[in-house]
């Protein structure tokens, strides 16, 4: 059986980092039809480049065409598909039966994956898509471990499931809130993430008085904004026969994509050997920007989560990318301000971490500077051994210095 870690790629840079940090495949969208209108997405030239990079590294790319299409959305789809046929992606991800029909016609040799948006929650639905010619099912997030195992026992199709990332409060992502409140249609890729807004209650007879929504010991019962993390459960998912372990987050940062790809790849490698990832390694997922984690529906009804504007957790700040080593100094690109004397942690593509103090900082002309204040400025820093290209620089919280 084949297994893979499938990472999100909102742009070409994220695609490269996903592959460098261990992802076996990446999913991405072209200029249209990809359900992430604001993710950056790929131009035609970038799609071609992505295909070349994947082939060079022996990786795979899957193109999302998972909107719920209206007639007008289909007018340009044949031309789009004919171009994709020249690129030859390793698969396309669809949800709409009409889009599926056109993909079969214009991309007869390209494997079709059925998106989680299609709400596949039972074995008969799996067989339905299998009979139509689909190769893979991206299972609905609402399934339990027991239900997933039962589906696997009754089909030879490839099964994919989300194991990490944001969870939508709508059933398999079929959101109406965004369209209703902002006019932005989530089912056409333009979600405004209304469920992440802070909400207040008001009482009709007390106009102008607003009350915060509080949580009691049983939960808030409004929106569940926890993030999914099944890193501990990969051995069970491998055992029951999941093929592809999908990470959500085409709109997330390079730091997020690289860290999740590396940690889940290590966890999968160990799971295939009957081993589990150490708690220390699992804790790397706490260093990326995230909401509190839970296991979604895997073991039944999900834990209720509280919604407020402070729900994101970010302790380690992503501040740079290492591009090389020259004249005894590491050369990097700024992604956040670093000051001389800051305590830094370097996360490398092979999963190692190196800690130390930024003893000295230099600009591109190697003139000493006190900090790196300008966005994406290039700089040199001292205090570390030669670091691999693509290493990520984090600023360590003060309370963690002596751990």
Protein backbone atom coordinates (compact mmCIF):
# COMPACT_ATOMS: atom_id res chain seq x y z
CA UNK A 1 0.00 0.00 0.00
CA UNK A 2 1.21 3.50 -0.82
CA UNK A 3 1.24 6.24 1.82
CA UNK A 4 1.85 9.97 1.53
CA UNK A 5 1.91 13.22 3.45
CA UNK A 6 -0.09 15.74 1.42
CA UNK A 7 0.76 19.38 2.13
CA UNK A 8 -0.96 22.64 1.13
CA UNK A 9 0.71 24.95 -1.38
CA UNK A 10 -0.82 28.42 -1.65
CA UNK A 11 2.02 29.61 -3.88
CA UNK A 12 5.26 28.43 -5.45
CA UNK A 13 7.40 29.24 -2.40
CA UNK A 14 5.17 27.16 -0.13
CA UNK A 15 5.27 24.30 -2.63
CA UNK A 16 9.06 24.25 -2.51
CA UNK A 17 9.14 24.35 1.29
CA UNK A 18 6.53 21.58 1.52
CA UNK A 19 8.71 19.31 -0.61
CA UNK A 20 12.00 20.27 1.04
CA UNK A 21 10.51 19.52 4.45
CA UNK A 22 9.30 16.06 3.50
CA UNK A 23 5.85 16.23 1.91
CA UNK A 24 5.30 13.52 -0.69
CA UNK A 25 2.69 15.55 -2.54
CA UNK A 26 1.11 19.00 -2.55
CA UNK A 27 -2.32 20.26 -3.51
CA UNK A 28 -2.72 23.62 -5.19
CA UNK A 29 -4.99 25.67 -7.42
CA UNK A 30 -4.60 27.41 -10.73
CA UNK A 31 -6.07 30.82 -11.55
CA UNK A 32 -9.64 29.52 -11.16
CA UNK A 33 -11.90 26.90 -9.62
CA UNK A 34 -9.87 26.15 -6.50
CA UNK A 35 -11.98 27.18 -3.45
CA UNK A 36 -9.27 29.53 -2.13
CA UNK A 37 -9.72 32.77 -4.04
CA UNK A 38 -7.40 34.64 -1.67
CA UNK A 39 -4.66 32.04 -1.25
CA UNK A 40 -2.44 33.50 -3.96
CA UNK A 41 -2.89 30.45 -6.19
CA UNK A 42 -0.77 29.70 -9.26
CA UNK A 43 -0.50 31.43 -12.60
CA UNK A 44 -0.23 29.30 -15.74
CA UNK A 45 3.55 29.69 -15.72
CA UNK A 46 3.73 28.82 -12.03
CA UNK A 47 1.65 25.69 -12.61
CA UNK A 48 4.13 24.62 -15.25
CA UNK A 49 7.02 25.37 -12.89
CA UNK A 50 5.32 23.45 -10.07
CA UNK A 51 5.02 20.41 -12.32
CA UNK A 52 8.73 20.64 -13.19
CA UNK A 53 9.76 20.93 -9.54
CA UNK A 54 7.61 17.97 -8.55
CA UNK A 55 9.09 15.79 -11.27
CA UNK A 56 12.62 16.80 -10.39
CA UNK A 57 12.08 15.88 -6.73
CA UNK A 58 9.97 12.79 -7.47
CA UNK A 59 6.96 14.35 -5.78
CA UNK A 60 3.33 14.74 -6.86
CA UNK A 61 0.98 17.69 -7.37
CA UNK A 62 -2.80 17.62 -7.29
CA UNK A 63 -4.84 20.48 -8.77
CA UNK A 64 -8.04 21.56 -7.01
CA UNK A 65 -11.11 22.15 -9.18
CA UNK A 66 -13.54 21.74 -6.31
CA UNK A 67 -15.98 24.64 -6.63
CA UNK A 68 -19.72 24.02 -6.84
CA UNK A 69 -20.17 25.32 -10.35
CA UNK A 70 -23.00 27.31 -11.91
CA UNK A 71 -23.53 27.27 -15.67
CA UNK A 72 -21.43 30.39 -16.19
CA UNK A 73 -18.57 28.80 -14.24
CA UNK A 74 -18.44 25.98 -16.76
CA UNK A 75 -18.03 28.17 -19.84
CA UNK A 76 -14.24 28.44 -19.59
CA UNK A 77 -13.64 25.12 -17.85
CA UNK A 78 -12.95 23.09 -21.04
CA UNK A 79 -10.12 25.46 -22.03
CA UNK A 80 -8.76 25.29 -18.49
CA UNK A 81 -8.82 21.49 -18.53
CA UNK A 82 -7.13 21.31 -21.92
CA UNK A 83 -4.26 23.37 -20.54
CA UNK A 84 -4.02 21.14 -17.46
CA UNK A 85 -3.83 18.16 -19.78
CA UNK A 86 -0.59 19.61 -21.16
CA UNK A 87 0.86 19.98 -17.65
CA UNK A 88 -0.17 16.45 -16.65
CA UNK A 89 -0.74 16.82 -12.89
CA UNK A 90 -0.79 13.65 -10.82
CA UNK A 91 -4.44 14.17 -9.99
CA UNK A 92 -7.29 16.67 -9.89
CA UNK A 93 -9.60 17.21 -6.92
CA UNK A 94 -13.30 17.74 -7.71
CA UNK A 95 -16.58 17.90 -5.80
CA UNK A 96 -19.22 18.88 -8.36
CA UNK A 97 -20.64 16.00 -10.50
CA UNK A 98 -20.82 18.32 -13.50
CA UNK A 99 -17.16 19.25 -13.13
CA UNK A 100 -16.37 15.55 -12.67
CA UNK A 101 -18.09 14.78 -15.99
CA UNK A 102 -16.07 17.42 -17.84
CA UNK A 103 -12.81 16.32 -16.22
CA UNK A 104 -13.47 12.76 -17.39
CA UNK A 105 -13.98 14.06 -20.91
CA UNK A 106 -11.01 16.43 -21.16
CA UNK A 107 -8.53 14.70 -18.82
CA UNK A 108 -9.17 11.01 -19.49
CA UNK A 109 -5.74 9.90 -18.23
CA UNK A 110 -5.56 12.05 -15.08
CA UNK A 111 -6.69 10.43 -11.79
CA UNK A 112 -9.70 12.11 -10.18
CA UNK A 113 -9.86 12.62 -6.42
CA UNK A 114 -13.25 13.35 -4.84
CA UNK A 115 -13.01 16.39 -2.56
CA UNK A 116 -14.11 16.43 1.06
CA UNK A 117 -16.66 19.01 -0.13
CA UNK A 118 -18.57 16.11 -1.70
CA UNK A 119 -19.48 14.91 1.82
CA UNK A 120 -18.53 11.27 1.36
CA UNK A 121 -19.65 9.69 4.64
CA UNK A 122 -20.63 6.12 3.72
CA UNK A 123 -19.52 3.12 1.69
CA UNK A 124 -22.31 3.42 -0.87
CA UNK A 125 -21.16 6.94 -1.73
CA UNK A 126 -17.62 5.61 -2.09
CA UNK A 127 -18.81 2.88 -4.45
CA UNK A 128 -20.85 5.44 -6.42
CA UNK A 129 -17.74 7.50 -7.16
CA UNK A 130 -15.68 4.37 -7.75
CA UNK A 131 -18.12 3.15 -10.41
CA UNK A 132 -17.89 6.53 -12.14
CA UNK A 133 -14.12 6.22 -12.36
CA UNK A 134 -12.73 8.17 -9.39
CA UNK A 135 -9.42 6.92 -8.01
CA UNK A 136 -9.41 8.48 -4.54
CA UNK A 137 -11.91 9.70 -1.95
CA UNK A 138 -11.10 12.55 0.42
CA UNK A 139 -13.27 11.44 3.32
CA UNK A 140 -15.63 13.84 5.06
CA UNK A 141 -14.22 15.30 8.27
CA UNK A 142 -17.33 14.18 10.15
CA UNK A 143 -16.40 10.48 10.15
CA UNK A 144 -15.31 8.53 13.22
CA UNK A 145 -12.40 6.11 13.31
CA UNK A 146 -14.84 3.19 13.35
CA UNK A 147 -16.69 4.49 10.28
CA UNK A 148 -13.43 5.06 8.40
CA UNK A 149 -12.30 1.52 9.18
CA UNK A 150 -15.60 0.12 7.91
CA UNK A 151 -15.25 2.03 4.64
CA UNK A 152 -11.70 0.76 4.18
CA UNK A 153 -12.83 -2.83 4.71
CA UNK A 154 -15.29 -2.49 1.84
CA UNK A 155 -13.28 -0.72 -0.86
CA UNK A 156 -9.90 -0.88 -2.55
CA UNK A 157 -10.04 2.82 -3.51
CA UNK A 158 -7.37 5.18 -2.23
CA UNK A 159 -8.57 6.95 0.91
CA UNK A 160 -7.40 10.38 1.99
CA UNK A 161 -8.31 12.31 5.12
CA UNK A 162 -7.48 15.58 6.84
CA UNK A 163 -5.19 15.10 9.82
CA UNK A 164 -4.22 18.68 10.66
CA UNK A 165 -5.46 22.25 10.36
CA UNK A 166 -8.45 24.53 10.69
CA UNK A 167 -11.93 23.06 10.91
CA UNK A 168 -14.99 24.67 9.36
CA UNK A 169 -18.20 24.78 11.42
CA UNK A 170 -20.23 23.95 8.32
CA UNK A 171 -20.86 20.38 7.22
CA UNK A 172 -17.78 19.40 5.21
CA UNK A 173 -17.12 23.05 4.48
CA UNK A 174 -20.44 23.84 2.78
CA UNK A 175 -20.72 27.27 4.36
CA UNK A 176 -23.60 29.73 3.85
CA UNK A 177 -22.64 32.23 6.57
CA UNK A 178 -19.99 33.96 4.45
CA UNK A 179 -22.33 34.51 1.51
CA UNK A 180 -25.19 35.68 3.74
CA UNK A 181 -23.20 38.17 5.82
CA UNK A 182 -20.63 39.44 3.31
CA UNK A 183 -21.73 38.40 -0.18
CA UNK A 184 -18.57 36.31 -0.53
CA UNK A 185 -19.41 32.74 -1.56
CA UNK A 186 -17.35 30.13 0.29
CA UNK A 187 -18.49 27.48 -2.17
CA UNK A 188 -16.84 29.42 -4.98
CA UNK A 189 -13.59 29.90 -3.07
CA UNK A 190 -14.16 33.30 -1.46
CA UNK A 191 -14.86 32.48 2.20
CA UNK A 192 -14.72 35.48 4.56
CA UNK A 193 -14.25 33.15 7.57
CA UNK A 194 -17.22 34.68 9.34
CA UNK A 195 -17.12 31.88 11.91
CA UNK A 196 -13.85 33.33 13.25
CA UNK A 197 -15.39 36.72 14.07
CA UNK A 198 -16.11 37.67 17.70
CA UNK A 199 -19.88 37.74 18.26
CA UNK A 200 -22.09 39.38 20.89
CA UNK A 201 -25.71 38.84 21.91
CA UNK A 202 -28.28 41.56 22.19
CA UNK A 203 -31.76 41.67 23.72
CA UNK A 204 -34.58 43.18 21.62
CA UNK A 205 -35.94 45.30 24.45
CA UNK A 206 -32.53 46.75 25.30
CA UNK A 207 -31.33 48.35 22.05
CA UNK A 208 -27.68 49.30 22.03
CA UNK A 209 -26.76 46.87 24.80
CA UNK A 210 -24.52 44.02 23.72
CA UNK A 211 -23.43 41.03 25.76
CA UNK A 212 -20.34 38.86 25.20
CA UNK A 213 -20.91 35.18 24.52
CA UNK A 214 -19.42 33.30 27.45
CA UNK A 215 -18.60 29.64 27.89
CA UNK A 216 -19.68 27.46 30.79
CA UNK A 217 -18.36 24.08 31.85
CA UNK A 218 -20.36 22.44 29.04
CA UNK A 219 -19.12 24.68 26.25
CA UNK A 220 -20.34 27.70 24.32
CA UNK A 221 -22.32 25.83 21.64
CA UNK A 222 -21.91 28.65 19.10
CA UNK A 223 -18.93 27.92 16.84
CA UNK A 224 -16.15 25.38 17.27
CA UNK A 225 -12.91 27.08 16.31
CA UNK A 226 -10.47 24.45 17.53
CA UNK A 227 -7.85 23.18 15.07
CA UNK A 228 -7.56 19.52 14.13
CA UNK A 229 -4.41 17.59 15.06
CA UNK A 230 -4.21 13.81 14.67
CA UNK A 231 -0.44 13.50 15.06
CA UNK A 232 -0.88 11.02 17.94
CA UNK A 233 -3.33 8.94 15.92
CA UNK A 234 -1.28 8.33 12.77
CA UNK A 235 -0.37 4.75 13.80
CA UNK A 236 -4.08 3.88 14.06
CA UNK A 237 -4.85 5.53 10.73
CA UNK A 238 -1.99 3.66 9.06
CA UNK A 239 -3.24 0.42 10.58
CA UNK A 240 -6.77 0.83 9.21
CA UNK A 241 -5.46 1.71 5.76
CA UNK A 242 -5.52 5.45 5.07
CA UNK A 243 -3.31 6.24 2.07
CA UNK A 244 -2.97 10.01 2.12
CA UNK A 245 -2.68 12.21 5.21
CA UNK A 246 -3.77 15.72 4.32
CA UNK A 247 -2.74 18.97 6.00
CA UNK A 248 -5.08 21.96 5.69
CA UNK A 249 -3.69 25.43 5.11
CA UNK A 250 -3.12 26.84 1.62
CA UNK A 251 -3.43 30.31 3.15
CA UNK A 252 -1.04 29.57 6.02
CA UNK A 253 2.61 30.66 6.24
CA UNK A 254 5.76 28.98 4.94
CA UNK A 255 6.61 28.27 8.58
CA UNK A 256 3.31 26.41 9.07
CA UNK A 257 3.64 24.41 5.84
CA UNK A 258 7.25 23.40 6.48
CA UNK A 259 6.76 22.48 10.14
CA UNK A 260 3.62 20.40 9.63
CA UNK A 261 5.09 18.64 6.59
CA UNK A 262 8.26 17.66 8.47
CA UNK A 263 6.57 16.52 11.68
CA UNK A 264 3.84 14.52 9.97
CA UNK A 265 6.37 12.94 7.63
CA UNK A 266 8.46 11.82 10.60
CA UNK A 267 5.34 10.51 12.34
CA UNK A 268 4.29 8.56 9.24
CA UNK A 269 7.75 7.04 8.79
CA UNK A 270 7.74 5.86 12.40
CA UNK A 271 4.14 4.60 12.20
CA UNK A 272 5.08 2.38 9.26
CA UNK A 273 7.75 0.86 11.52
CA UNK A 274 5.26 0.34 14.35
CA UNK A 275 6.67 3.25 16.34
CA UNK A 276 5.31 6.58 17.57
CA UNK A 277 6.65 10.11 17.39
CA UNK A 278 8.18 11.42 20.60
CA UNK A 279 6.28 14.04 22.63
CA UNK A 280 9.20 16.41 22.04
CA UNK A 281 8.71 16.16 18.28
CA UNK A 282 4.94 16.45 18.59
CA UNK A 283 5.44 19.69 20.48
CA UNK A 284 6.89 21.26 17.32
CA UNK A 285 3.25 21.67 16.26
CA UNK A 286 2.76 23.99 19.23
CA UNK A 287 5.35 26.38 17.78
CA UNK A 288 3.28 27.31 14.72
CA UNK A 289 0.36 29.71 14.81
CA UNK A 290 -2.66 27.63 15.82
CA UNK A 291 -5.88 27.49 17.75
CA UNK A 292 -6.23 24.94 20.55
CA UNK A 293 -6.04 21.44 19.10
CA UNK A 294 -8.54 18.60 19.27
CA UNK A 295 -9.28 15.40 17.36
CA UNK A 296 -12.41 16.51 15.54
CA UNK A 297 -14.94 13.71 15.02
CA UNK A 298 -12.41 10.86 15.11
CA UNK A 299 -13.69 9.50 18.43
CA UNK A 300 -17.26 10.72 18.23
CA UNK A 301 -18.78 14.09 19.07
CA UNK A 302 -16.01 16.72 18.97
CA UNK A 303 -15.01 18.73 21.98
CA UNK A 304 -16.69 22.13 22.03
CA UNK A 305 -14.41 25.07 21.44
CA UNK A 306 -14.64 28.65 22.58
CA UNK A 307 -14.60 31.51 20.11
CA UNK A 308 -12.91 34.82 20.78
CA UNK A 309 -10.42 37.04 19.00
CA UNK A 310 -7.59 35.81 21.22
CA UNK A 311 -8.07 32.16 20.35
CA UNK A 312 -4.90 31.89 18.25
CA UNK A 313 -1.80 30.69 20.07
CA UNK A 314 1.62 31.91 18.99
CA UNK A 315 4.60 31.54 21.30
CA UNK A 316 7.47 31.08 18.85
CA UNK A 317 7.69 33.88 16.30
CA UNK A 318 8.79 32.99 12.76
CA UNK A 319 11.45 35.60 11.90
CA UNK A 320 13.51 34.38 8.96
CA UNK A 321 14.67 31.87 6.35
CA UNK A 322 18.29 30.77 5.93
CA UNK A 323 19.53 30.92 2.34
CA UNK A 324 23.22 30.07 2.71
CA UNK A 325 26.54 30.41 4.55
CA UNK A 326 29.31 32.83 3.58
CA UNK A 327 32.43 34.24 5.26
CA UNK A 328 31.65 32.45 8.51
CA UNK A 329 28.12 33.87 8.67
CA UNK A 330 24.67 32.49 7.90
CA UNK A 331 22.81 34.46 5.23
CA UNK A 332 19.06 34.89 5.69
CA UNK A 333 15.87 36.69 4.71
CA UNK A 334 13.84 38.54 7.33
CA UNK A 335 10.26 37.46 8.07
CA UNK A 336 10.07 39.20 11.43
CA UNK A 337 12.25 41.62 13.38
CA UNK A 338 15.38 40.18 15.04
CA UNK A 339 17.48 42.19 17.49
CA UNK A 340 21.06 41.56 18.52
CA UNK A 341 21.00 39.27 21.56
CA UNK A 342 17.69 37.59 20.69
CA UNK A 343 17.51 33.91 21.56
CA UNK A 344 16.78 32.00 18.35
CA UNK A 345 15.84 28.46 17.40
CA UNK A 346 16.62 27.12 13.94
CA UNK A 347 14.38 24.37 12.52
CA UNK A 348 16.12 22.57 9.67
CA UNK A 349 14.64 20.60 6.73
CA UNK A 350 15.83 17.33 8.27
CA UNK A 351 13.90 18.10 11.47
CA UNK A 352 16.81 19.10 13.72
CA UNK A 353 16.65 22.14 15.98
CA UNK A 354 19.59 24.36 16.90
CA UNK A 355 19.35 27.06 19.56
CA UNK A 356 21.60 30.00 20.21
CA UNK A 357 21.92 33.76 20.56
CA UNK A 358 22.06 36.18 17.64
CA UNK A 359 25.47 37.46 18.70
CA UNK A 360 25.83 39.89 15.81
CA UNK A 361 23.71 41.02 12.86
CA UNK A 362 24.95 42.44 9.56
CA UNK A 363 23.30 43.98 6.50
CA UNK A 364 23.99 42.73 2.96
CA UNK A 365 27.22 44.75 2.83
CA UNK A 366 28.21 43.02 6.10
CA UNK A 367 28.00 46.23 8.11
CA UNK A 368 26.98 45.52 11.68
CA UNK A 369 23.38 46.48 12.53
CA UNK A 370 21.40 46.34 15.80
CA UNK A 371 18.29 44.71 14.29
CA UNK A 372 16.52 43.62 11.09
CA UNK A 373 13.61 46.09 10.90
CA UNK A 374 12.72 45.95 7.19
CA UNK A 375 10.33 43.32 5.79
CA UNK A 376 12.13 40.58 3.85
CA UNK A 377 15.49 42.32 4.08
CA UNK A 378 18.53 40.10 3.52
CA UNK A 379 21.03 39.93 6.37
CA UNK A 380 23.85 37.92 7.94
CA UNK A 381 23.93 36.66 11.52
CA UNK A 382 26.63 35.21 13.79
CA UNK A 383 26.45 32.73 16.64
CA UNK A 384 25.47 29.56 14.78
CA UNK A 385 27.23 26.81 12.82
CA UNK A 386 26.62 26.57 9.06
CA UNK A 387 22.90 25.97 8.62
CA UNK A 388 21.18 24.17 5.71
CA UNK A 389 19.43 26.19 3.04
CA UNK A 390 15.68 26.62 3.75
CA UNK A 391 16.16 26.40 7.54
CA UNK A 392 13.54 28.39 9.46
CA UNK A 393 14.48 30.93 12.14
CA UNK A 394 12.24 31.27 15.19
CA UNK A 395 12.44 33.72 18.06
CA UNK A 396 12.24 31.77 21.32
CA UNK A 397 9.90 33.09 24.06
CA UNK A 398 11.72 34.50 27.06
CA UNK A 399 10.24 31.92 29.44
CA UNK A 400 11.78 29.09 27.40
CA UNK A 401 15.38 30.37 27.36
CA UNK A 402 16.74 28.02 30.01
CA UNK A 403 14.75 24.88 29.20
